[in-house]
């Protein structure tokens, strides 16, 4: 309906679909080199931009981008971003390891980082688990950006997902003015 909806939808779809495509590539045996990741995200960005421009009529794009973002939208997004900033600060200053993180997710992300590919039959450390490598791929991408394995920064992913979830719920609530107050109570 407006630019804010467009941005929220783009963040959600981009965050999940791009990593899901990386998971699919890994399942067919692709090695995650730096060059591959740069090319992958560049091609994905250009393709989604071209799809947005070419698939919509000019009038449809004008309608989306002519809708003004309302002051209430800006205030709520500011509240969410402030909360996001505070939670990121907590992630960067304090380190809270959870047992599940070290039993599988972090071990899988470390394997991805060191071997540049998804685990295979040789990875038998935790063979009785049948988790997907989708979530560890997010940690792997953070490790690639930082150039090393820094467990404390992998928690940022959880905060980012919380922000996306709040924005999606906010967007849904905002479209129902009659139930807005009750819905905001559920959000918090």
N, C-alpha and C. Protein backbone atom coordinates (compact mmCIF):
# COMPACT_ATOMS: atom_id res chain seq x y z
N UNK A 1 0.82 -1.20 0.00
CA UNK A 1 0.00 0.00 0.00
C UNK A 1 0.86 1.26 0.00
N UNK A 2 1.98 1.24 0.69
CA UNK A 2 2.88 2.39 0.66
C UNK A 2 4.32 1.90 0.73
N UNK A 3 5.26 2.83 0.83
CA UNK A 3 6.67 2.47 0.82
C UNK A 3 7.03 1.58 2.02
N UNK A 4 6.42 1.83 3.16
CA UNK A 4 6.73 1.05 4.35
C UNK A 4 6.35 -0.42 4.15
N UNK A 5 5.18 -0.66 3.60
CA UNK A 5 4.78 -2.04 3.29
C UNK A 5 5.75 -2.68 2.31
N UNK A 6 6.14 -1.92 1.32
CA UNK A 6 7.08 -2.43 0.32
C UNK A 6 8.42 -2.82 0.96
N UNK A 7 8.92 -1.98 1.85
CA UNK A 7 10.20 -2.24 2.52
C UNK A 7 10.09 -3.46 3.43
N UNK A 8 9.01 -3.55 4.21
CA UNK A 8 8.83 -4.68 5.12
C UNK A 8 8.74 -5.99 4.33
N UNK A 9 7.93 -6.00 3.28
CA UNK A 9 7.81 -7.21 2.46
C UNK A 9 9.15 -7.58 1.82
N UNK A 10 9.89 -6.59 1.36
CA UNK A 10 11.18 -6.86 0.74
C UNK A 10 12.17 -7.44 1.73
N UNK A 11 12.19 -6.90 2.95
CA UNK A 11 13.10 -7.42 3.98
C UNK A 11 12.77 -8.87 4.32
N UNK A 12 11.50 -9.15 4.50
CA UNK A 12 11.10 -10.50 4.89
C UNK A 12 11.40 -11.50 3.77
N UNK A 13 10.93 -11.18 2.57
CA UNK A 13 11.15 -12.11 1.46
C UNK A 13 12.62 -12.26 1.13
N UNK A 14 13.35 -11.16 1.12
CA UNK A 14 14.77 -11.22 0.82
C UNK A 14 15.55 -11.99 1.85
N UNK A 15 15.22 -11.81 3.11
CA UNK A 15 15.94 -12.49 4.19
C UNK A 15 15.74 -13.99 4.16
N UNK A 16 14.56 -14.42 3.86
CA UNK A 16 14.28 -15.85 3.91
C UNK A 16 14.53 -16.56 2.58
N UNK A 17 14.08 -15.97 1.49
CA UNK A 17 14.22 -16.65 0.21
C UNK A 17 15.67 -16.73 -0.26
N UNK A 18 16.46 -15.70 -0.02
CA UNK A 18 17.85 -15.74 -0.48
C UNK A 18 18.63 -16.83 0.24
N UNK A 19 18.44 -16.96 1.54
CA UNK A 19 19.15 -18.01 2.28
C UNK A 19 18.58 -19.39 1.94
N UNK A 20 17.29 -19.45 1.67
CA UNK A 20 16.69 -20.72 1.25
C UNK A 20 17.29 -21.16 -0.09
N UNK A 21 17.50 -20.21 -1.02
CA UNK A 21 18.14 -20.55 -2.29
C UNK A 21 19.58 -21.00 -2.08
N UNK A 22 20.29 -20.37 -1.14
CA UNK A 22 21.64 -20.83 -0.81
C UNK A 22 21.62 -22.25 -0.27
N UNK A 23 20.63 -22.56 0.55
CA UNK A 23 20.49 -23.92 1.07
C UNK A 23 20.27 -24.91 -0.07
N UNK A 24 19.42 -24.54 -1.03
CA UNK A 24 19.16 -25.42 -2.17
C UNK A 24 20.43 -25.64 -3.00
N UNK A 25 21.20 -24.57 -3.21
CA UNK A 25 22.46 -24.71 -3.94
C UNK A 25 23.41 -25.63 -3.20
N UNK A 26 23.46 -25.49 -1.87
CA UNK A 26 24.33 -26.35 -1.08
C UNK A 26 23.91 -27.81 -1.13
N UNK A 27 22.62 -28.04 -1.26
CA UNK A 27 22.12 -29.42 -1.31
C UNK A 27 22.52 -30.13 -2.60
N UNK A 28 22.80 -29.35 -3.65
CA UNK A 28 23.26 -29.99 -4.89
C UNK A 28 24.79 -30.00 -4.97
N UNK A 29 25.45 -29.57 -3.89
CA UNK A 29 26.90 -29.71 -3.82
C UNK A 29 27.71 -28.47 -4.14
N UNK A 30 27.08 -27.31 -4.22
CA UNK A 30 27.82 -26.08 -4.52
C UNK A 30 28.68 -25.69 -3.32
N UNK A 31 29.92 -25.27 -3.59
CA UNK A 31 30.83 -24.82 -2.55
C UNK A 31 30.65 -23.32 -2.38
N UNK A 32 30.54 -22.86 -1.11
CA UNK A 32 30.26 -21.45 -0.82
C UNK A 32 31.56 -20.63 -0.77
N UNK A 33 32.10 -20.30 -1.92
CA UNK A 33 33.29 -19.44 -1.96
C UNK A 33 32.86 -17.98 -1.84
N UNK A 34 33.82 -17.11 -1.54
CA UNK A 34 33.51 -15.68 -1.46
C UNK A 34 32.97 -15.16 -2.78
N UNK A 35 33.59 -15.58 -3.88
CA UNK A 35 33.15 -15.13 -5.20
C UNK A 35 31.73 -15.58 -5.49
N UNK A 36 31.42 -16.81 -5.15
CA UNK A 36 30.06 -17.31 -5.37
C UNK A 36 29.04 -16.48 -4.59
N UNK A 37 29.35 -16.18 -3.33
CA UNK A 37 28.41 -15.43 -2.50
C UNK A 37 28.21 -14.01 -3.04
N UNK A 38 29.28 -13.37 -3.47
CA UNK A 38 29.16 -12.02 -4.03
C UNK A 38 28.32 -12.05 -5.31
N UNK A 39 28.63 -12.99 -6.19
CA UNK A 39 27.86 -13.11 -7.44
C UNK A 39 26.41 -13.46 -7.14
N UNK A 40 26.18 -14.39 -6.23
CA UNK A 40 24.82 -14.82 -5.89
C UNK A 40 23.98 -13.65 -5.41
N UNK A 41 24.47 -12.89 -4.42
CA UNK A 41 23.68 -11.79 -3.88
C UNK A 41 23.56 -10.63 -4.87
N UNK A 42 24.56 -10.41 -5.71
CA UNK A 42 24.47 -9.36 -6.73
C UNK A 42 23.41 -9.72 -7.77
N UNK A 43 23.46 -10.95 -8.28
CA UNK A 43 22.48 -11.37 -9.28
C UNK A 43 21.08 -11.37 -8.69
N UNK A 44 20.95 -11.82 -7.46
CA UNK A 44 19.64 -11.84 -6.80
C UNK A 44 19.09 -10.43 -6.64
N UNK A 45 19.92 -9.50 -6.25
CA UNK A 45 19.49 -8.10 -6.08
C UNK A 45 19.07 -7.49 -7.40
N UNK A 46 19.87 -7.68 -8.42
CA UNK A 46 19.56 -7.12 -9.74
C UNK A 46 18.28 -7.76 -10.30
N UNK A 47 18.15 -9.07 -10.15
CA UNK A 47 16.95 -9.77 -10.65
C UNK A 47 15.69 -9.29 -9.94
N UNK A 48 15.75 -9.12 -8.63
CA UNK A 48 14.55 -8.67 -7.93
C UNK A 48 14.21 -7.22 -8.26
N UNK A 49 15.22 -6.39 -8.47
CA UNK A 49 14.96 -5.01 -8.88
C UNK A 49 14.34 -4.97 -10.27
N UNK A 50 14.89 -5.74 -11.19
CA UNK A 50 14.32 -5.79 -12.54
C UNK A 50 12.91 -6.36 -12.53
N UNK A 51 12.67 -7.38 -11.73
CA UNK A 51 11.32 -7.94 -11.64
C UNK A 51 10.33 -6.90 -11.13
N UNK A 52 10.75 -6.15 -10.10
CA UNK A 52 9.86 -5.13 -9.54
C UNK A 52 9.53 -4.06 -10.58
N UNK A 53 10.52 -3.66 -11.34
CA UNK A 53 10.32 -2.59 -12.33
C UNK A 53 9.54 -3.10 -13.55
N UNK A 54 9.91 -4.26 -14.04
CA UNK A 54 9.32 -4.75 -15.29
C UNK A 54 7.97 -5.43 -15.12
N UNK A 55 7.70 -5.99 -13.97
CA UNK A 55 6.44 -6.73 -13.81
C UNK A 55 5.26 -5.83 -13.45
N UNK A 56 5.53 -4.66 -12.98
CA UNK A 56 4.46 -3.75 -12.59
C UNK A 56 4.27 -2.70 -13.68
N UNK A 57 3.05 -2.32 -13.85
CA UNK A 57 2.77 -1.19 -14.75
C UNK A 57 3.22 0.08 -14.04
N UNK A 58 3.54 1.08 -14.82
CA UNK A 58 3.98 2.35 -14.22
C UNK A 58 2.95 2.90 -13.26
N UNK A 59 1.67 2.74 -13.57
CA UNK A 59 0.63 3.26 -12.70
C UNK A 59 0.61 2.53 -11.35
N UNK A 60 0.87 1.22 -11.36
CA UNK A 60 0.89 0.47 -10.11
C UNK A 60 2.06 0.89 -9.23
N UNK A 61 3.23 1.11 -9.84
CA UNK A 61 4.38 1.57 -9.07
C UNK A 61 4.15 2.97 -8.52
N UNK A 62 3.53 3.81 -9.32
CA UNK A 62 3.25 5.17 -8.86
C UNK A 62 2.29 5.16 -7.67
N UNK A 63 1.32 4.27 -7.70
CA UNK A 63 0.36 4.18 -6.59
C UNK A 63 1.10 3.79 -5.30
N UNK A 64 1.99 2.81 -5.39
CA UNK A 64 2.72 2.37 -4.20
C UNK A 64 3.61 3.49 -3.67
N UNK A 65 4.33 4.14 -4.55
CA UNK A 65 5.30 5.13 -4.09
C UNK A 65 4.72 6.53 -3.92
N UNK A 66 3.49 6.74 -4.37
CA UNK A 66 2.84 8.03 -4.12
C UNK A 66 2.13 8.07 -2.79
N UNK A 67 1.82 6.90 -2.24
CA UNK A 67 1.16 6.86 -0.93
C UNK A 67 2.13 7.39 0.12
N UNK A 68 1.72 8.35 0.83
CA UNK A 68 2.58 8.95 1.86
C UNK A 68 2.66 8.04 3.08
N UNK A 69 3.83 7.99 3.63
CA UNK A 69 3.98 7.29 4.90
C UNK A 69 3.43 8.22 5.97
N UNK A 70 2.54 7.69 6.78
CA UNK A 70 1.90 8.51 7.80
C UNK A 70 2.82 8.67 9.00
N UNK A 71 2.56 9.71 9.78
CA UNK A 71 3.38 10.00 10.95
C UNK A 71 3.36 8.85 11.94
N UNK A 72 2.21 8.20 12.11
CA UNK A 72 2.12 7.07 13.03
C UNK A 72 3.02 5.92 12.57
N UNK A 73 3.08 5.70 11.24
CA UNK A 73 4.00 4.68 10.71
C UNK A 73 5.43 5.00 11.11
N UNK A 74 5.82 6.23 10.93
CA UNK A 74 7.19 6.65 11.23
C UNK A 74 7.48 6.48 12.72
N UNK A 75 6.53 6.84 13.58
CA UNK A 75 6.74 6.71 15.02
C UNK A 75 6.89 5.25 15.43
N UNK A 76 6.04 4.38 14.93
CA UNK A 76 6.14 2.97 15.31
C UNK A 76 7.42 2.34 14.79
N UNK A 77 7.79 2.66 13.57
CA UNK A 77 9.05 2.13 13.04
C UNK A 77 10.22 2.64 13.87
N UNK A 78 10.15 3.89 14.30
CA UNK A 78 11.21 4.44 15.16
C UNK A 78 11.27 3.68 16.48
N UNK A 79 10.11 3.35 17.05
CA UNK A 79 10.08 2.57 18.30
C UNK A 79 10.70 1.20 18.08
N UNK A 80 10.33 0.53 16.98
CA UNK A 80 10.89 -0.79 16.69
C UNK A 80 12.40 -0.71 16.45
N UNK A 81 12.84 0.31 15.73
CA UNK A 81 14.27 0.45 15.47
C UNK A 81 15.05 0.77 16.75
N UNK A 82 14.47 1.55 17.64
CA UNK A 82 15.11 1.83 18.92
C UNK A 82 15.22 0.54 19.74
N UNK A 83 14.16 -0.24 19.77
CA UNK A 83 14.20 -1.53 20.46
C UNK A 83 15.24 -2.45 19.81
N UNK A 84 15.28 -2.46 18.49
CA UNK A 84 16.26 -3.25 17.76
C UNK A 84 17.68 -2.80 18.13
N UNK A 85 17.92 -1.51 18.18
CA UNK A 85 19.23 -0.98 18.55
C UNK A 85 19.62 -1.41 19.97
N UNK A 86 18.69 -1.31 20.90
CA UNK A 86 18.98 -1.71 22.28
C UNK A 86 19.30 -3.20 22.38
N UNK A 87 18.55 -4.02 21.67
CA UNK A 87 18.81 -5.45 21.70
C UNK A 87 20.14 -5.80 21.02
N UNK A 88 20.48 -5.08 19.97
CA UNK A 88 21.77 -5.29 19.31
C UNK A 88 22.90 -4.92 20.26
N UNK A 89 22.73 -3.84 21.01
CA UNK A 89 23.74 -3.45 21.99
C UNK A 89 23.94 -4.54 23.04
N UNK A 90 22.85 -5.13 23.48
CA UNK A 90 22.95 -6.23 24.45
C UNK A 90 23.70 -7.41 23.83
N UNK A 91 23.39 -7.72 22.57
CA UNK A 91 24.09 -8.82 21.90
C UNK A 91 25.58 -8.56 21.77
N UNK A 92 25.95 -7.32 21.51
CA UNK A 92 27.36 -7.00 21.31
C UNK A 92 28.14 -6.87 22.61
N UNK A 93 27.48 -6.50 23.69
CA UNK A 93 28.17 -6.27 24.94
C UNK A 93 28.17 -7.49 25.85
N UNK A 94 27.16 -8.33 25.75
CA UNK A 94 27.08 -9.50 26.63
C UNK A 94 26.90 -10.75 25.78
N UNK A 95 27.33 -11.82 26.32
CA UNK A 95 27.31 -13.08 25.59
C UNK A 95 26.53 -14.10 26.39
N UNK A 96 25.42 -14.58 25.83
CA UNK A 96 24.56 -15.53 26.53
C UNK A 96 24.50 -16.84 25.74
N UNK A 97 25.44 -17.74 25.95
CA UNK A 97 25.37 -19.01 25.20
C UNK A 97 24.25 -19.89 25.76
N UNK A 98 23.50 -20.45 24.86
CA UNK A 98 22.45 -21.39 25.24
C UNK A 98 22.90 -22.79 24.84
N UNK A 99 22.49 -23.77 25.58
CA UNK A 99 22.99 -25.11 25.33
C UNK A 99 22.65 -25.58 23.92
N UNK A 100 21.46 -25.30 23.45
CA UNK A 100 21.07 -25.75 22.12
C UNK A 100 21.94 -25.13 21.04
N UNK A 101 22.37 -23.88 21.26
CA UNK A 101 23.24 -23.22 20.29
C UNK A 101 24.52 -24.03 20.09
N UNK A 102 25.05 -24.56 21.16
CA UNK A 102 26.32 -25.25 21.05
C UNK A 102 26.15 -26.73 20.75
N UNK A 103 24.95 -27.26 20.86
CA UNK A 103 24.78 -28.67 20.54
C UNK A 103 24.64 -28.89 19.05
N UNK A 104 24.09 -27.92 18.34
CA UNK A 104 23.93 -28.16 16.91
C UNK A 104 24.14 -26.93 16.03
N UNK A 105 23.41 -25.85 16.31
CA UNK A 105 23.41 -24.72 15.38
C UNK A 105 24.81 -24.16 15.17
N UNK A 106 25.52 -23.90 16.23
CA UNK A 106 26.85 -23.30 16.10
C UNK A 106 27.86 -24.29 15.52
N UNK A 107 27.71 -25.56 15.85
CA UNK A 107 28.62 -26.57 15.29
C UNK A 107 28.41 -26.67 13.79
N UNK A 108 27.17 -26.64 13.36
CA UNK A 108 26.86 -26.70 11.93
C UNK A 108 27.37 -25.45 11.21
N UNK A 109 27.19 -24.28 11.81
CA UNK A 109 27.67 -23.03 11.20
C UNK A 109 29.20 -23.04 11.10
N UNK A 110 29.86 -23.56 12.12
CA UNK A 110 31.33 -23.66 12.08
C UNK A 110 31.76 -24.61 10.96
N UNK A 111 31.07 -25.72 10.81
CA UNK A 111 31.37 -26.66 9.73
C UNK A 111 31.20 -25.97 8.38
N UNK A 112 30.12 -25.22 8.22
CA UNK A 112 29.90 -24.48 6.97
C UNK A 112 31.04 -23.51 6.70
N UNK A 113 31.45 -22.78 7.74
CA UNK A 113 32.50 -21.78 7.58
C UNK A 113 33.84 -22.42 7.24
N UNK A 114 34.16 -23.52 7.87
CA UNK A 114 35.46 -24.14 7.65
C UNK A 114 35.53 -24.94 6.36
N UNK A 115 34.42 -25.55 5.95
CA UNK A 115 34.42 -26.41 4.77
C UNK A 115 33.77 -25.78 3.54
N UNK A 116 33.10 -24.66 3.72
CA UNK A 116 32.45 -23.92 2.63
C UNK A 116 31.39 -24.73 1.90
N UNK A 117 30.78 -25.66 2.58
CA UNK A 117 29.71 -26.47 1.99
C UNK A 117 28.85 -27.02 3.11
N UNK A 118 27.68 -27.54 2.73
CA UNK A 118 26.80 -28.15 3.71
C UNK A 118 27.41 -29.44 4.23
N UNK A 119 26.98 -29.84 5.40
CA UNK A 119 27.52 -31.07 5.98
C UNK A 119 27.08 -32.27 5.14
N UNK A 120 27.87 -33.32 5.21
CA UNK A 120 27.57 -34.54 4.49
C UNK A 120 27.70 -35.72 5.44
N UNK A 121 27.88 -36.91 4.90
CA UNK A 121 27.94 -38.11 5.74
C UNK A 121 29.16 -38.12 6.66
N UNK A 122 30.19 -37.35 6.32
CA UNK A 122 31.38 -37.32 7.17
C UNK A 122 31.15 -36.51 8.43
N UNK A 123 30.11 -35.73 8.47
CA UNK A 123 29.78 -34.94 9.65
C UNK A 123 28.90 -35.79 10.55
N UNK A 124 29.52 -36.55 11.43
CA UNK A 124 28.75 -37.47 12.26
C UNK A 124 28.80 -37.10 13.74
N UNK A 125 29.20 -35.88 14.04
CA UNK A 125 29.30 -35.45 15.42
C UNK A 125 27.94 -35.50 16.11
N UNK A 126 26.94 -35.01 15.42
CA UNK A 126 25.59 -35.00 15.99
C UNK A 126 24.64 -35.68 15.01
N UNK A 127 24.94 -36.87 14.64
CA UNK A 127 24.20 -37.55 13.58
C UNK A 127 22.76 -37.89 13.96
N UNK A 128 22.43 -37.91 15.24
CA UNK A 128 21.06 -38.25 15.62
C UNK A 128 20.10 -37.08 15.48
N UNK A 129 20.62 -35.88 15.18
CA UNK A 129 19.76 -34.72 14.92
C UNK A 129 19.46 -34.66 13.43
N UNK A 130 18.28 -34.23 13.10
CA UNK A 130 17.95 -34.11 11.68
C UNK A 130 17.51 -32.69 11.34
N UNK A 131 18.19 -31.71 11.94
CA UNK A 131 17.89 -30.32 11.65
C UNK A 131 18.36 -29.94 10.25
N UNK A 132 17.70 -28.96 9.68
CA UNK A 132 18.14 -28.39 8.42
C UNK A 132 19.28 -27.40 8.69
N UNK A 133 20.02 -27.08 7.67
CA UNK A 133 21.11 -26.10 7.81
C UNK A 133 20.65 -24.69 7.49
N UNK A 134 19.35 -24.44 7.40
CA UNK A 134 18.86 -23.12 7.05
C UNK A 134 19.28 -22.08 8.08
N UNK A 135 19.02 -22.32 9.34
CA UNK A 135 19.39 -21.34 10.37
C UNK A 135 20.91 -21.19 10.51
N UNK A 136 21.69 -22.27 10.50
CA UNK A 136 23.14 -22.08 10.55
C UNK A 136 23.71 -21.31 9.35
N UNK A 137 23.00 -21.31 8.22
CA UNK A 137 23.47 -20.52 7.08
C UNK A 137 23.50 -19.03 7.41
N UNK A 138 22.57 -18.56 8.22
CA UNK A 138 22.59 -17.15 8.63
C UNK A 138 23.84 -16.85 9.45
N UNK A 139 24.17 -17.74 10.39
CA UNK A 139 25.40 -17.56 11.17
C UNK A 139 26.62 -17.62 10.27
N UNK A 140 26.61 -18.54 9.33
CA UNK A 140 27.70 -18.66 8.38
C UNK A 140 27.91 -17.35 7.61
N UNK A 141 26.81 -16.72 7.18
CA UNK A 141 26.94 -15.45 6.44
C UNK A 141 27.53 -14.36 7.32
N UNK A 142 27.16 -14.34 8.59
CA UNK A 142 27.75 -13.36 9.51
C UNK A 142 29.23 -13.65 9.69
N UNK A 143 29.59 -14.92 9.82
CA UNK A 143 31.00 -15.28 9.95
C UNK A 143 31.78 -14.86 8.72
N UNK A 144 31.18 -15.02 7.54
CA UNK A 144 31.86 -14.62 6.30
C UNK A 144 32.08 -13.12 6.26
N UNK A 145 31.08 -12.36 6.67
CA UNK A 145 31.21 -10.90 6.67
C UNK A 145 32.28 -10.45 7.66
N UNK A 146 32.32 -11.08 8.83
CA UNK A 146 33.28 -10.71 9.87
C UNK A 146 34.65 -11.33 9.65
N UNK A 147 34.75 -12.34 8.80
CA UNK A 147 36.04 -12.96 8.50
C UNK A 147 36.49 -13.97 9.53
N UNK A 148 35.64 -14.40 10.42
CA UNK A 148 36.00 -15.39 11.43
C UNK A 148 34.78 -15.84 12.19
N UNK A 149 34.98 -16.81 13.06
CA UNK A 149 33.87 -17.34 13.85
C UNK A 149 33.77 -16.55 15.15
N UNK A 150 32.74 -15.74 15.23
CA UNK A 150 32.47 -14.93 16.42
C UNK A 150 31.06 -15.25 16.88
N UNK A 151 30.95 -16.16 17.83
CA UNK A 151 29.66 -16.64 18.29
C UNK A 151 28.76 -15.53 18.82
N UNK A 152 29.35 -14.56 19.51
CA UNK A 152 28.52 -13.54 20.13
C UNK A 152 27.77 -12.69 19.10
N UNK A 153 28.28 -12.60 17.88
CA UNK A 153 27.60 -11.81 16.86
C UNK A 153 26.52 -12.59 16.13
N UNK A 154 26.53 -13.90 16.25
CA UNK A 154 25.50 -14.71 15.61
C UNK A 154 24.13 -14.48 16.25
N UNK A 155 24.08 -14.00 17.49
CA UNK A 155 22.82 -13.70 18.15
C UNK A 155 22.07 -12.54 17.52
N UNK A 156 22.77 -11.75 16.73
CA UNK A 156 22.13 -10.62 16.04
C UNK A 156 21.04 -11.12 15.10
N UNK A 157 21.21 -12.31 14.57
CA UNK A 157 20.22 -12.88 13.66
C UNK A 157 18.87 -13.02 14.35
N UNK A 158 18.89 -13.50 15.58
CA UNK A 158 17.65 -13.67 16.33
C UNK A 158 16.96 -12.33 16.56
N UNK A 159 17.75 -11.31 16.86
CA UNK A 159 17.18 -9.97 17.06
C UNK A 159 16.61 -9.44 15.74
N UNK A 160 17.30 -9.70 14.64
CA UNK A 160 16.81 -9.27 13.33
C UNK A 160 15.48 -9.96 12.99
N UNK A 161 15.37 -11.26 13.28
CA UNK A 161 14.12 -11.97 13.04
C UNK A 161 13.01 -11.43 13.93
N UNK A 162 13.35 -11.06 15.15
CA UNK A 162 12.34 -10.47 16.05
C UNK A 162 11.84 -9.15 15.48
N UNK A 163 12.76 -8.34 14.94
CA UNK A 163 12.36 -7.07 14.32
C UNK A 163 11.43 -7.32 13.13
N UNK A 164 11.81 -8.24 12.27
CA UNK A 164 10.96 -8.55 11.12
C UNK A 164 9.58 -9.04 11.55
N UNK A 165 9.55 -9.86 12.59
CA UNK A 165 8.27 -10.37 13.09
C UNK A 165 7.40 -9.23 13.62
N UNK A 166 8.00 -8.34 14.39
CA UNK A 166 7.25 -7.19 14.92
C UNK A 166 6.73 -6.31 13.79
N UNK A 167 7.54 -6.09 12.77
CA UNK A 167 7.10 -5.26 11.65
C UNK A 167 5.96 -5.92 10.88
N UNK A 168 6.02 -7.23 10.71
CA UNK A 168 4.92 -7.93 10.02
C UNK A 168 3.63 -7.86 10.83
N UNK A 169 3.73 -8.07 12.13
CA UNK A 169 2.55 -8.00 12.99
C UNK A 169 2.01 -6.57 12.99
N UNK A 170 2.90 -5.58 13.09
CA UNK A 170 2.48 -4.18 13.06
C UNK A 170 1.74 -3.86 11.77
N UNK A 171 2.29 -4.32 10.66
CA UNK A 171 1.66 -4.05 9.37
C UNK A 171 0.26 -4.65 9.32
N UNK A 172 0.10 -5.85 9.84
CA UNK A 172 -1.20 -6.51 9.84
C UNK A 172 -2.18 -5.78 10.77
N UNK A 173 -1.71 -5.40 11.95
CA UNK A 173 -2.56 -4.70 12.92
C UNK A 173 -3.00 -3.35 12.38
N UNK A 174 -2.10 -2.67 11.74
CA UNK A 174 -2.38 -1.31 11.28
C UNK A 174 -3.49 -1.28 10.23
N UNK A 175 -3.68 -2.39 9.53
CA UNK A 175 -4.72 -2.45 8.51
C UNK A 175 -6.10 -2.73 9.09
N UNK A 176 -6.20 -2.96 10.39
CA UNK A 176 -7.48 -3.23 11.05
C UNK A 176 -7.75 -2.15 12.10
N UNK A 177 -8.19 -0.97 11.69
CA UNK A 177 -8.35 0.13 12.64
C UNK A 177 -9.33 -0.15 13.78
N UNK A 178 -10.36 -0.96 13.54
CA UNK A 178 -11.35 -1.19 14.59
C UNK A 178 -10.78 -2.02 15.75
N UNK A 179 -9.78 -2.85 15.49
CA UNK A 179 -9.21 -3.72 16.52
C UNK A 179 -7.79 -3.30 16.90
N UNK A 180 -7.41 -2.09 16.57
CA UNK A 180 -6.02 -1.67 16.70
C UNK A 180 -5.51 -1.71 18.14
N UNK A 181 -6.26 -1.16 19.09
CA UNK A 181 -5.79 -1.09 20.46
C UNK A 181 -5.61 -2.48 21.06
N UNK A 182 -6.59 -3.35 20.86
CA UNK A 182 -6.47 -4.70 21.38
C UNK A 182 -5.33 -5.44 20.71
N UNK A 183 -5.14 -5.24 19.43
CA UNK A 183 -4.08 -5.91 18.70
C UNK A 183 -2.70 -5.47 19.17
N UNK A 184 -2.53 -4.18 19.49
CA UNK A 184 -1.24 -3.72 19.99
C UNK A 184 -0.91 -4.33 21.34
N UNK A 185 -1.94 -4.66 22.11
CA UNK A 185 -1.70 -5.35 23.39
C UNK A 185 -1.10 -6.73 23.12
N UNK A 186 -1.57 -7.41 22.12
CA UNK A 186 -1.03 -8.73 21.77
C UNK A 186 0.41 -8.62 21.28
N UNK A 187 0.71 -7.53 20.58
CA UNK A 187 2.06 -7.34 20.04
C UNK A 187 3.08 -7.24 21.16
N UNK A 188 2.72 -6.55 22.24
CA UNK A 188 3.68 -6.37 23.33
C UNK A 188 3.40 -7.32 24.45
